[in-house]
Amino acid sequence: MSKAALKSMRQKIRTLRVRTRTELSLGEIAKWLNPIINGWLAYYGCYTRSALYGLCRHVNMTLVRWARRKFKPLRQHKIKAMLFLAKIADQYPNLFAHWRAGMIGAFA
């Protein structure tokens, strides 16, 4: 996987502006992002799965930013937001496609 491919995938996540979509629930975001992430995991993951760790970390940190915008108590607490998403990932490990692949947590 080239650096340019990783850069374009991260750019795709940024252009979707997930972090600003606070009107959506986490399940709705999962339905929105899963086809995209599944495609990347299927195409690039069959050769070098470890190359996708950085991308999955980027997606997880985008979810942390979303949680910090959506929930006021998490606004000033990055670590609490990470723990909040880790708890959700423990309860619903099949919610996101990259969580199903074992890439859970902010530091996946």
PDB file of N, CA and C in Angstrom:
ATOM      1  N   MET A   1       0.851  -1.170   0.000  1.00  0.00           N
ATOM      2  CA  MET A   1       0.000   0.000   0.000  1.00  0.00           C
ATOM      3  C   MET A   1       0.900   1.238   0.000  1.00  0.00           C
ATOM      4  N   SER A   2       0.614   2.139  -0.894  1.00  0.00           N
ATOM      5  CA  SER A   2       1.452   3.327  -1.026  1.00  0.00           C
ATOM      6  C   SER A   2       1.038   4.409  -0.030  1.00  0.00           C
ATOM      7  N   LYS A   3       1.944   5.335   0.198  1.00  0.00           N
ATOM      8  CA  LYS A   3       1.647   6.470   1.064  1.00  0.00           C
ATOM      9  C   LYS A   3       0.554   7.332   0.450  1.00  0.00           C
ATOM     10  N   ALA A   4       0.547   7.409  -0.864  1.00  0.00           N
ATOM     11  CA  ALA A   4      -0.482   8.204  -1.545  1.00  0.00           C
ATOM     12  C   ALA A   4      -1.870   7.599  -1.343  1.00  0.00           C
ATOM     13  N   ALA A   5      -1.964   6.264  -1.331  1.00  0.00           N
ATOM     14  CA  ALA A   5      -3.256   5.610  -1.112  1.00  0.00           C
ATOM     15  C   ALA A   5      -3.752   5.866   0.303  1.00  0.00           C
ATOM     16  N   LEU A   6      -2.839   5.749   1.280  1.00  0.00           N
ATOM     17  CA  LEU A   6      -3.226   6.034   2.666  1.00  0.00           C
ATOM     18  C   LEU A   6      -3.654   7.488   2.826  1.00  0.00           C
ATOM     19  N   LYS A   7      -2.925   8.368   2.181  1.00  0.00           N
ATOM     20  CA  LYS A   7      -3.248   9.795   2.261  1.00  0.00           C
ATOM     21  C   LYS A   7      -4.623  10.073   1.670  1.00  0.00           C
ATOM     22  N   SER A   8      -4.950   9.441   0.550  1.00  0.00           N
ATOM     23  CA  SER A   8      -6.255   9.672  -0.068  1.00  0.00           C
ATOM     24  C   SER A   8      -7.390   9.082   0.773  1.00  0.00           C
ATOM     25  N   MET A   9      -7.133   7.969   1.461  1.00  0.00           N
ATOM     26  CA  MET A   9      -8.168   7.391   2.333  1.00  0.00           C
ATOM     27  C   MET A   9      -8.419   8.291   3.539  1.00  0.00           C
ATOM     28  N   ARG A  10      -7.351   8.813   4.132  1.00  0.00           N
ATOM     29  CA  ARG A  10      -7.530   9.741   5.254  1.00  0.00           C
ATOM     30  C   ARG A  10      -8.236  11.008   4.788  1.00  0.00           C
ATOM     31  N   GLN A  11      -7.914  11.461   3.584  1.00  0.00           N
ATOM     32  CA  GLN A  11      -8.574  12.638   3.025  1.00  0.00           C
ATOM     33  C   GLN A  11     -10.061  12.381   2.812  1.00  0.00           C
ATOM     34  N   LYS A  12     -10.414  11.172   2.390  1.00  0.00           N
ATOM     35  CA  LYS A  12     -11.818  10.807   2.205  1.00  0.00           C
ATOM     36  C   LYS A  12     -12.582  10.902   3.522  1.00  0.00           C
ATOM     37  N   ILE A  13     -11.960  10.409   4.607  1.00  0.00           N
ATOM     38  CA  ILE A  13     -12.589  10.490   5.935  1.00  0.00           C
ATOM     39  C   ILE A  13     -12.761  11.955   6.346  1.00  0.00           C
ATOM     40  N   ARG A  14     -11.762  12.774   6.062  1.00  0.00           N
ATOM     41  CA  ARG A  14     -11.854  14.198   6.404  1.00  0.00           C
ATOM     42  C   ARG A  14     -12.948  14.899   5.613  1.00  0.00           C
ATOM     43  N   THR A  15     -13.054  14.581   4.318  1.00  0.00           N
ATOM     44  CA  THR A  15     -14.057  15.268   3.496  1.00  0.00           C
ATOM     45  C   THR A  15     -15.481  14.843   3.850  1.00  0.00           C
ATOM     46  N   LEU A  16     -15.644  13.685   4.447  1.00  0.00           N
ATOM     47  CA  LEU A  16     -16.979  13.269   4.894  1.00  0.00           C
ATOM     48  C   LEU A  16     -17.448  14.078   6.105  1.00  0.00           C
ATOM     49  N   ARG A  17     -16.504  14.717   6.779  1.00  0.00           N
ATOM     50  CA  ARG A  17     -16.788  15.588   7.937  1.00  0.00           C
ATOM     51  C   ARG A  17     -17.628  14.869   8.996  1.00  0.00           C
ATOM     52  N   VAL A  18     -17.178  13.686   9.364  1.00  0.00           N
ATOM     53  CA  VAL A  18     -17.881  12.875  10.367  1.00  0.00           C
ATOM     54  C   VAL A  18     -17.948  13.610  11.693  1.00  0.00           C
ATOM     55  N   ARG A  19     -16.879  14.294  12.038  1.00  0.00           N
ATOM     56  CA  ARG A  19     -16.802  14.945  13.348  1.00  0.00           C
ATOM     57  C   ARG A  19     -17.860  16.016  13.550  1.00  0.00           C
ATOM     58  N   THR A  20     -18.394  16.574  12.454  1.00  0.00           N
ATOM     59  CA  THR A  20     -19.405  17.629  12.588  1.00  0.00           C
ATOM     60  C   THR A  20     -20.828  17.109  12.507  1.00  0.00           C
ATOM     61  N   ARG A  21     -21.002  15.835  12.243  1.00  0.00           N
ATOM     62  CA  ARG A  21     -22.346  15.273  12.065  1.00  0.00           C
ATOM     63  C   ARG A  21     -22.927  14.823  13.405  1.00  0.00           C
ATOM     64  N   THR A  22     -23.084  15.753  14.320  1.00  0.00           N
ATOM     65  CA  THR A  22     -23.553  15.428  15.663  1.00  0.00           C
ATOM     66  C   THR A  22     -25.038  15.090  15.713  1.00  0.00           C
ATOM     67  N   GLU A  23     -25.766  15.338  14.629  1.00  0.00           N
ATOM     68  CA  GLU A  23     -27.179  14.970  14.624  1.00  0.00           C
ATOM     69  C   GLU A  23     -27.371  13.475  14.418  1.00  0.00           C
ATOM     70  N   LEU A  24     -26.308  12.780  13.989  1.00  0.00           N
ATOM     71  CA  LEU A  24     -26.374  11.332  13.762  1.00  0.00           C
ATOM     72  C   LEU A  24     -25.977  10.572  15.019  1.00  0.00           C
ATOM     73  N   SER A  25     -26.564   9.406  15.185  1.00  0.00           N
ATOM     74  CA  SER A  25     -26.145   8.526  16.274  1.00  0.00           C
ATOM     75  C   SER A  25     -24.945   7.717  15.807  1.00  0.00           C
ATOM     76  N   LEU A  26     -24.326   7.003  16.733  1.00  0.00           N
ATOM     77  CA  LEU A  26     -23.155   6.202  16.390  1.00  0.00           C
ATOM     78  C   LEU A  26     -23.534   5.072  15.431  1.00  0.00           C
ATOM     79  N   GLY A  27     -24.716   4.511  15.584  1.00  0.00           N
ATOM     80  CA  GLY A  27     -25.192   3.468  14.680  1.00  0.00           C
ATOM     81  C   GLY A  27     -25.388   3.981  13.265  1.00  0.00           C
ATOM     82  N   GLU A  28     -25.899   5.201  13.145  1.00  0.00           N
ATOM     83  CA  GLU A  28     -26.087   5.792  11.818  1.00  0.00           C
ATOM     84  C   GLU A  28     -24.748   6.098  11.156  1.00  0.00           C
ATOM     85  N   ILE A  29     -23.786   6.543  11.947  1.00  0.00           N
ATOM     86  CA  ILE A  29     -22.444   6.780  11.411  1.00  0.00           C
ATOM     87  C   ILE A  29     -21.831   5.463  10.955  1.00  0.00           C
ATOM     88  N   ALA A  30     -22.068   4.401  11.715  1.00  0.00           N
ATOM     89  CA  ALA A  30     -21.538   3.085  11.345  1.00  0.00           C
ATOM     90  C   ALA A  30     -22.141   2.626  10.016  1.00  0.00           C
ATOM     91  N   LYS A  31     -23.452   2.811   9.840  1.00  0.00           N
ATOM     92  CA  LYS A  31     -24.090   2.425   8.579  1.00  0.00           C
ATOM     93  C   LYS A  31     -23.558   3.239   7.407  1.00  0.00           C
ATOM     94  N   TRP A  32     -23.175   4.461   7.687  1.00  0.00           N
ATOM     95  CA  TRP A  32     -22.666   5.360   6.666  1.00  0.00           C
ATOM     96  C   TRP A  32     -21.224   5.009   6.281  1.00  0.00           C
ATOM     97  N   LEU A  33     -20.388   4.702   7.276  1.00  0.00           N
ATOM     98  CA  LEU A  33     -18.965   4.468   7.018  1.00  0.00           C
ATOM     99  C   LEU A  33     -18.612   3.017   6.695  1.00  0.00           C
ATOM    100  N   ASN A  34     -19.392   2.059   7.164  1.00  0.00           N
ATOM    101  CA  ASN A  34     -19.024   0.652   7.001  1.00  0.00           C
ATOM    102  C   ASN A  34     -18.815   0.211   5.553  1.00  0.00           C
ATOM    103  N   PRO A  35     -19.642   0.609   4.591  1.00  0.00           N
ATOM    104  CA  PRO A  35     -19.351   0.178   3.213  1.00  0.00           C
ATOM    105  C   PRO A  35     -18.003   0.688   2.701  1.00  0.00           C
ATOM    106  N   ILE A  36     -17.644   1.895   3.086  1.00  0.00           N
ATOM    107  CA  ILE A  36     -16.369   2.462   2.663  1.00  0.00           C
ATOM    108  C   ILE A  36     -15.212   1.707   3.305  1.00  0.00           C
ATOM    109  N   ILE A  37     -15.291   1.506   4.613  1.00  0.00           N
ATOM    110  CA  ILE A  37     -14.212   0.827   5.340  1.00  0.00           C
ATOM    111  C   ILE A  37     -14.110  -0.634   4.915  1.00  0.00           C
ATOM    112  N   ASN A  38     -15.261  -1.282   4.693  1.00  0.00           N
ATOM    113  CA  ASN A  38     -15.244  -2.673   4.215  1.00  0.00           C
ATOM    114  C   ASN A  38     -14.519  -2.797   2.886  1.00  0.00           C
ATOM    115  N   GLY A  39     -14.755  -1.852   1.999  1.00  0.00           N
ATOM    116  CA  GLY A  39     -14.078  -1.884   0.711  1.00  0.00           C
ATOM    117  C   GLY A  39     -12.574  -1.760   0.852  1.00  0.00           C
ATOM    118  N   TRP A  40     -12.132  -0.860   1.710  1.00  0.00           N
ATOM    119  CA  TRP A  40     -10.696  -0.695   1.934  1.00  0.00           C
ATOM    120  C   TRP A  40     -10.090  -1.933   2.575  1.00  0.00           C
ATOM    121  N   LEU A  41     -10.816  -2.505   3.554  1.00  0.00           N
ATOM    122  CA  LEU A  41     -10.293  -3.705   4.210  1.00  0.00           C
ATOM    123  C   LEU A  41     -10.221  -4.876   3.245  1.00  0.00           C
ATOM    124  N   ALA A  42     -11.200  -4.997   2.369  1.00  0.00           N
ATOM    125  CA  ALA A  42     -11.201  -6.103   1.415  1.00  0.00           C
ATOM    126  C   ALA A  42     -10.105  -5.938   0.371  1.00  0.00           C
ATOM    127  N   TYR A  43      -9.932  -4.708  -0.122  1.00  0.00           N
ATOM    128  CA  TYR A  43      -8.974  -4.492  -1.205  1.00  0.00           C
ATOM    129  C   TYR A  43      -7.529  -4.487  -0.702  1.00  0.00           C
ATOM    130  N   TYR A  44      -7.254  -3.668   0.313  1.00  0.00           N
ATOM    131  CA  TYR A  44      -5.877  -3.543   0.802  1.00  0.00           C
ATOM    132  C   TYR A  44      -5.546  -4.565   1.875  1.00  0.00           C
ATOM    133  N   GLY A  45      -6.553  -5.012   2.605  1.00  0.00           N
ATOM    134  CA  GLY A  45      -6.311  -5.897   3.745  1.00  0.00           C
ATOM    135  C   GLY A  45      -5.899  -7.299   3.378  1.00  0.00           C
ATOM    136  N   CYS A  46      -6.190  -7.726   2.164  1.00  0.00           N
ATOM    137  CA  CYS A  46      -5.827  -9.099   1.801  1.00  0.00           C
ATOM    138  C   CYS A  46      -4.323  -9.236   1.575  1.00  0.00           C
ATOM    139  N   TYR A  47      -3.619  -8.146   1.340  1.00  0.00           N
ATOM    140  CA  TYR A  47      -2.174  -8.207   1.131  1.00  0.00           C
ATOM    141  C   TYR A  47      -1.400  -7.836   2.405  1.00  0.00           C
ATOM    142  N   THR A  48      -1.607  -6.633   2.887  1.00  0.00           N
ATOM    143  CA  THR A  48      -0.914  -6.186   4.096  1.00  0.00           C
ATOM    144  C   THR A  48      -1.922  -5.526   5.028  1.00  0.00           C
ATOM    145  N   ARG A  49      -2.466  -6.305   5.926  1.00  0.00           N
ATOM    146  CA  ARG A  49      -3.468  -5.807   6.860  1.00  0.00           C
ATOM    147  C   ARG A  49      -2.869  -4.790   7.827  1.00  0.00           C
ATOM    148  N   SER A  50      -1.616  -4.986   8.181  1.00  0.00           N
ATOM    149  CA  SER A  50      -0.983  -4.086   9.139  1.00  0.00           C
ATOM    150  C   SER A  50      -0.818  -2.678   8.586  1.00  0.00           C
ATOM    151  N   ALA A  51      -0.819  -2.526   7.274  1.00  0.00           N
ATOM    152  CA  ALA A  51      -0.705  -1.200   6.678  1.00  0.00           C
ATOM    153  C   ALA A  51      -1.961  -0.370   6.934  1.00  0.00           C
ATOM    154  N   LEU A  52      -3.056  -1.021   7.271  1.00  0.00           N
ATOM    155  CA  LEU A  52      -4.316  -0.320   7.515  1.00  0.00           C
ATOM    156  C   LEU A  52      -4.458   0.167   8.953  1.00  0.00           C
ATOM    157  N   TYR A  53      -3.521  -0.183   9.836  1.00  0.00           N
ATOM    158  CA  TYR A  53      -3.640   0.219  11.233  1.00  0.00           C
ATOM    159  C   TYR A  53      -3.680   1.739  11.386  1.00  0.00           C
ATOM    160  N   GLY A  54      -2.852   2.426  10.628  1.00  0.00           N
ATOM    161  CA  GLY A  54      -2.848   3.888  10.702  1.00  0.00           C
ATOM    162  C   GLY A  54      -4.164   4.485  10.261  1.00  0.00           C
ATOM    163  N   LEU A  55      -4.747   3.925   9.221  1.00  0.00           N
ATOM    164  CA  LEU A  55      -6.039   4.406   8.752  1.00  0.00           C
ATOM    165  C   LEU A  55      -7.127   4.164   9.802  1.00  0.00           C
ATOM    166  N   CYS A  56      -7.123   2.981  10.397  1.00  0.00           N
ATOM    167  CA  CYS A  56      -8.135   2.665  11.414  1.00  0.00           C
ATOM    168  C   CYS A  56      -7.952   3.533  12.651  1.00  0.00           C
ATOM    169  N   ARG A  57      -6.726   3.846  12.991  1.00  0.00           N
ATOM    170  CA  ARG A  57      -6.464   4.766  14.096  1.00  0.00           C
ATOM    171  C   ARG A  57      -7.034   6.145  13.753  1.00  0.00           C
ATOM    172  N   HIS A  58      -6.890   6.555  12.501  1.00  0.00           N
ATOM    173  CA  HIS A  58      -7.432   7.843  12.063  1.00  0.00           C
ATOM    174  C   HIS A  58      -8.967   7.852  12.169  1.00  0.00           C
ATOM    175  N   VAL A  59      -9.599   6.763  11.762  1.00  0.00           N
ATOM    176  CA  VAL A  59     -11.062   6.667  11.861  1.00  0.00           C
ATOM    177  C   VAL A  59     -11.492   6.705  13.331  1.00  0.00           C
ATOM    178  N   ASN A  60     -10.774   5.979  14.172  1.00  0.00           N
ATOM    179  CA  ASN A  60     -11.120   5.972  15.600  1.00  0.00           C
ATOM    180  C   ASN A  60     -10.947   7.354  16.221  1.00  0.00           C
ATOM    181  N   MET A  61      -9.887   8.067  15.849  1.00  0.00           N
ATOM    182  CA  MET A  61      -9.700   9.410  16.390  1.00  0.00           C
ATOM    183  C   MET A  61     -10.754  10.375  15.842  1.00  0.00           C
ATOM    184  N   THR A  62     -11.224  10.142  14.635  1.00  0.00           N
ATOM    185  CA  THR A  62     -12.326  10.939  14.100  1.00  0.00           C
ATOM    186  C   THR A  62     -13.595  10.694  14.912  1.00  0.00           C
ATOM    187  N   LEU A  63     -13.812   9.447  15.318  1.00  0.00           N
ATOM    188  CA  LEU A  63     -14.964   9.128  16.170  1.00  0.00           C
ATOM    189  C   LEU A  63     -14.828   9.776  17.544  1.00  0.00           C
ATOM    190  N   VAL A  64     -13.599   9.859  18.040  1.00  0.00           N
ATOM    191  CA  VAL A  64     -13.364  10.551  19.324  1.00  0.00           C
ATOM    192  C   VAL A  64     -13.726  12.022  19.175  1.00  0.00           C
ATOM    193  N   ARG A  65     -13.325  12.649  18.075  1.00  0.00           N
ATOM    194  CA  ARG A  65     -13.671  14.049  17.840  1.00  0.00           C
ATOM    195  C   ARG A  65     -15.186  14.232  17.724  1.00  0.00           C
ATOM    196  N   TRP A  66     -15.852  13.259  17.092  1.00  0.00           N
ATOM    197  CA  TRP A  66     -17.315  13.319  16.985  1.00  0.00           C
ATOM    198  C   TRP A  66     -17.947  13.267  18.373  1.00  0.00           C
ATOM    199  N   ALA A  67     -17.456  12.342  19.212  1.00  0.00           N
ATOM    200  CA  ALA A  67     -18.018  12.200  20.560  1.00  0.00           C
ATOM    201  C   ALA A  67     -17.783  13.459  21.387  1.00  0.00           C
ATOM    202  N   ARG A  68     -16.638  14.083  21.213  1.00  0.00           N
ATOM    203  CA  ARG A  68     -16.351  15.303  21.970  1.00  0.00           C
ATOM    204  C   ARG A  68     -17.256  16.450  21.548  1.00  0.00           C
ATOM    205  N   ARG A  69     -17.660  16.474  20.297  1.00  0.00           N
ATOM    206  CA  ARG A  69     -18.584  17.513  19.846  1.00  0.00           C
ATOM    207  C   ARG A  69     -20.019  17.203  20.245  1.00  0.00           C
ATOM    208  N   LYS A  70     -20.382  15.931  20.242  1.00  0.00           N
ATOM    209  CA  LYS A  70     -21.777  15.555  20.494  1.00  0.00           C
ATOM    210  C   LYS A  70     -22.135  15.613  21.979  1.00  0.00           C
ATOM    211  N   PHE A  71     -21.236  15.160  22.834  1.00  0.00           N
ATOM    212  CA  PHE A  71     -21.539  15.047  24.261  1.00  0.00           C
ATOM    213  C   PHE A  71     -20.755  16.093  25.046  1.00  0.00           C
ATOM    214  N   LYS A  72     -21.491  16.999  25.665  1.00  0.00           N
ATOM    215  CA  LYS A  72     -20.874  18.135  26.334  1.00  0.00           C
ATOM    216  C   LYS A  72     -19.898  17.749  27.453  1.00  0.00           C
ATOM    217  N   PRO A  73     -20.176  16.720  28.267  1.00  0.00           N
ATOM    218  CA  PRO A  73     -19.211  16.364  29.320  1.00  0.00           C
ATOM    219  C   PRO A  73     -17.860  15.889  28.776  1.00  0.00           C
ATOM    220  N   LEU A  74     -17.823  15.449  27.522  1.00  0.00           N
ATOM    221  CA  LEU A  74     -16.570  14.965  26.931  1.00  0.00           C
ATOM    222  C   LEU A  74     -15.807  16.062  26.201  1.00  0.00           C
ATOM    223  N   ARG A  75     -16.384  17.228  26.110  1.00  0.00           N
ATOM    224  CA  ARG A  75     -15.833  18.285  25.269  1.00  0.00           C
ATOM    225  C   ARG A  75     -14.383  18.625  25.599  1.00  0.00           C
ATOM    226  N   GLN A  76     -14.045  18.725  26.850  1.00  0.00           N
ATOM    227  CA  GLN A  76     -12.689  19.113  27.264  1.00  0.00           C
ATOM    228  C   GLN A  76     -11.842  17.928  27.700  1.00  0.00           C
ATOM    229  N   HIS A  77     -12.337  16.697  27.478  1.00  0.00           N
ATOM    230  CA  HIS A  77     -11.661  15.510  28.018  1.00  0.00           C
ATOM    231  C   HIS A  77     -11.437  14.468  26.919  1.00  0.00           C
ATOM    232  N   LYS A  78     -10.287  14.555  26.283  1.00  0.00           N
ATOM    233  CA  LYS A  78      -9.972  13.646  25.181  1.00  0.00           C
ATOM    234  C   LYS A  78      -9.867  12.199  25.655  1.00  0.00           C
ATOM    235  N   ILE A  79      -9.224  11.981  26.792  1.00  0.00           N
ATOM    236  CA  ILE A  79      -9.048  10.626  27.313  1.00  0.00           C
ATOM    237  C   ILE A  79     -10.393  10.021  27.695  1.00  0.00           C
ATOM    238  N   LYS A  80     -11.276  10.813  28.309  1.00  0.00           N
ATOM    239  CA  LYS A  80     -12.608  10.308  28.651  1.00  0.00           C
ATOM    240  C   LYS A  80     -13.392   9.935  27.394  1.00  0.00           C
ATOM    241  N   ALA A  81     -13.225  10.712  26.336  1.00  0.00           N
ATOM    242  CA  ALA A  81     -13.897  10.391  25.079  1.00  0.00           C
ATOM    243  C   ALA A  81     -13.352   9.091  24.496  1.00  0.00           C
ATOM    244  N   MET A  82     -12.036   8.882  24.601  1.00  0.00           N
ATOM    245  CA  MET A  82     -11.439   7.628  24.133  1.00  0.00           C
ATOM    246  C   MET A  82     -11.968   6.446  24.937  1.00  0.00           C
ATOM    247  N   LEU A  83     -12.057   6.614  26.247  1.00  0.00           N
ATOM    248  CA  LEU A  83     -12.575   5.547  27.102  1.00  0.00           C
ATOM    249  C   LEU A  83     -14.052   5.287  26.820  1.00  0.00           C
ATOM    250  N   PHE A  84     -14.798   6.339  26.522  1.00  0.00           N
ATOM    251  CA  PHE A  84     -16.206   6.206  26.169  1.00  0.00           C
ATOM    252  C   PHE A  84     -16.366   5.332  24.923  1.00  0.00           C
ATOM    253  N   LEU A  85     -15.565   5.604  23.893  1.00  0.00           N
ATOM    254  CA  LEU A  85     -15.645   4.805  22.671  1.00  0.00           C
ATOM    255  C   LEU A  85     -15.103   3.398  22.872  1.00  0.00           C
ATOM    256  N   ALA A  86     -14.101   3.240  23.738  1.00  0.00           N
ATOM    257  CA  ALA A  86     -13.588   1.904  24.037  1.00  0.00           C
ATOM    258  C   ALA A  86     -14.659   1.064  24.729  1.00  0.00           C
ATOM    259  N   LYS A  87     -15.430   1.699  25.598  1.00  0.00           N
ATOM    260  CA  LYS A  87     -16.521   1.000  26.278  1.00  0.00           C
ATOM    261  C   LYS A  87     -17.602   0.570  25.281  1.00  0.00           C
ATOM    262  N   ILE A  88     -17.916   1.443  24.335  1.00  0.00           N
ATOM    263  CA  ILE A  88     -18.889   1.095  23.302  1.00  0.00           C
ATOM    264  C   ILE A  88     -18.358  -0.033  22.429  1.00  0.00           C
ATOM    265  N   ALA A  89     -17.061   0.012  22.128  1.00  0.00           N
ATOM    266  CA  ALA A  89     -16.454  -1.038  21.312  1.00  0.00           C
ATOM    267  C   ALA A  89     -16.480  -2.380  22.038  1.00  0.00           C
ATOM    268  N   ASP A  90     -16.356  -2.362  23.363  1.00  0.00           N
ATOM    269  CA  ASP A  90     -16.464  -3.604  24.139  1.00  0.00           C
ATOM    270  C   ASP A  90     -17.890  -4.145  24.111  1.00  0.00           C
ATOM    271  N   GLN A  91     -18.880  -3.245  24.203  1.00  0.00           N
ATOM    272  CA  GLN A  91     -20.276  -3.665  24.214  1.00  0.00           C
ATOM    273  C   GLN A  91     -20.761  -4.088  22.837  1.00  0.00           C
ATOM    274  N   TYR A  92     -20.318  -3.375  21.799  1.00  0.00           N
ATOM    275  CA  TYR A  92     -20.760  -3.643  20.432  1.00  0.00           C
ATOM    276  C   TYR A  92     -19.546  -3.783  19.508  1.00  0.00           C
ATOM    277  N   PRO A  93     -18.824  -4.899  19.593  1.00  0.00           N
ATOM    278  CA  PRO A  93     -17.592  -5.037  18.802  1.00  0.00           C
ATOM    279  C   PRO A  93     -17.835  -5.174  17.301  1.00  0.00           C
ATOM    280  N   ASN A  94     -19.062  -5.395  16.883  1.00  0.00           N
ATOM    281  CA  ASN A  94     -19.360  -5.537  15.453  1.00  0.00           C
ATOM    282  C   ASN A  94     -19.968  -4.285  14.841  1.00  0.00           C
ATOM    283  N   LEU A  95     -19.945  -3.178  15.570  1.00  0.00           N
ATOM    284  CA  LEU A  95     -20.593  -1.962  15.092  1.00  0.00           C
ATOM    285  C   LEU A  95     -19.897  -1.395  13.856  1.00  0.00           C
ATOM    286  N   PHE A  96     -18.588  -1.273  13.893  1.00  0.00           N
ATOM    287  CA  PHE A  96     -17.829  -0.759  12.762  1.00  0.00           C
ATOM    288  C   PHE A  96     -17.036  -1.882  12.122  1.00  0.00           C
ATOM    289  N   ALA A  97     -16.806  -1.774  10.834  1.00  0.00           N
ATOM    290  CA  ALA A  97     -16.114  -2.828  10.085  1.00  0.00           C
ATOM    291  C   ALA A  97     -14.690  -3.032  10.584  1.00  0.00           C
ATOM    292  N   HIS A  98     -13.991  -1.958  10.915  1.00  0.00           N
ATOM    293  CA  HIS A  98     -12.616  -2.126  11.380  1.00  0.00           C
ATOM    294  C   HIS A  98     -12.567  -2.641  12.820  1.00  0.00           C
ATOM    295  N   TRP A  99     -13.626  -2.434  13.594  1.00  0.00           N
ATOM    296  CA  TRP A  99     -13.687  -3.032  14.927  1.00  0.00           C
ATOM    297  C   TRP A  99     -13.847  -4.538  14.800  1.00  0.00           C
ATOM    298  N   ARG A 100     -14.620  -4.989  13.818  1.00  0.00           N
ATOM    299  CA  ARG A 100     -14.775  -6.426  13.579  1.00  0.00           C
ATOM    300  C   ARG A 100     -13.446  -7.064  13.223  1.00  0.00           C
ATOM    301  N   ALA A 101     -12.585  -6.307  12.558  1.00  0.00           N
ATOM    302  CA  ALA A 101     -11.274  -6.811  12.153  1.00  0.00           C
ATOM    303  C   ALA A 101     -10.266  -6.761  13.291  1.00  0.00           C
ATOM    304  N   GLY A 102     -10.674  -6.261  14.465  1.00  0.00           N
ATOM    305  CA  GLY A 102      -9.798  -6.251  15.633  1.00  0.00           C
ATOM    306  C   GLY A 102      -9.055  -4.962  15.850  1.00  0.00           C
ATOM    307  N   MET A 103      -9.425  -3.908  15.144  1.00  0.00           N
ATOM    308  CA  MET A 103      -8.734  -2.639  15.261  1.00  0.00           C
ATOM    309  C   MET A 103      -9.585  -1.704  16.115  1.00  0.00           C
ATOM    310  N   ILE A 104      -9.563  -1.967  17.423  1.00  0.00           N
ATOM    311  CA  ILE A 104     -10.413  -1.246  18.368  1.00  0.00           C
ATOM    312  C   ILE A 104      -9.555  -0.305  19.196  1.00  0.00           C
ATOM    313  N   GLY A 105     -10.117   0.824  19.536  1.00  0.00           N
ATOM    314  CA  GLY A 105      -9.443   1.759  20.419  1.00  0.00           C
ATOM    315  C   GLY A 105      -8.804   2.900  19.661  1.00  0.00           C
ATOM    316  N   ALA A 106      -8.504   3.945  20.415  1.00  0.00           N
ATOM    317  CA  ALA A 106      -7.918   5.134  19.801  1.00  0.00           C
ATOM    318  C   ALA A 106      -6.495   4.893  19.338  1.00  0.00           C
ATOM    319  N   PHE A 107      -5.847   3.916  19.931  1.00  0.00           N
ATOM    320  CA  PHE A 107      -4.466   3.614  19.574  1.00  0.00           C
ATOM    321  C   PHE A 107      -4.360   2.289  18.856  1.00  0.00           C
ATOM    322  N   ALA A 108      -5.342   1.947  18.028  1.00  0.00           N
ATOM    323  CA  ALA A 108      -5.417   0.653  17.359  1.00  0.00           C
ATOM    324  C   ALA A 108      -4.169   0.298  16.592  1.00  0.00           C
TER     325      ALA A 108
END
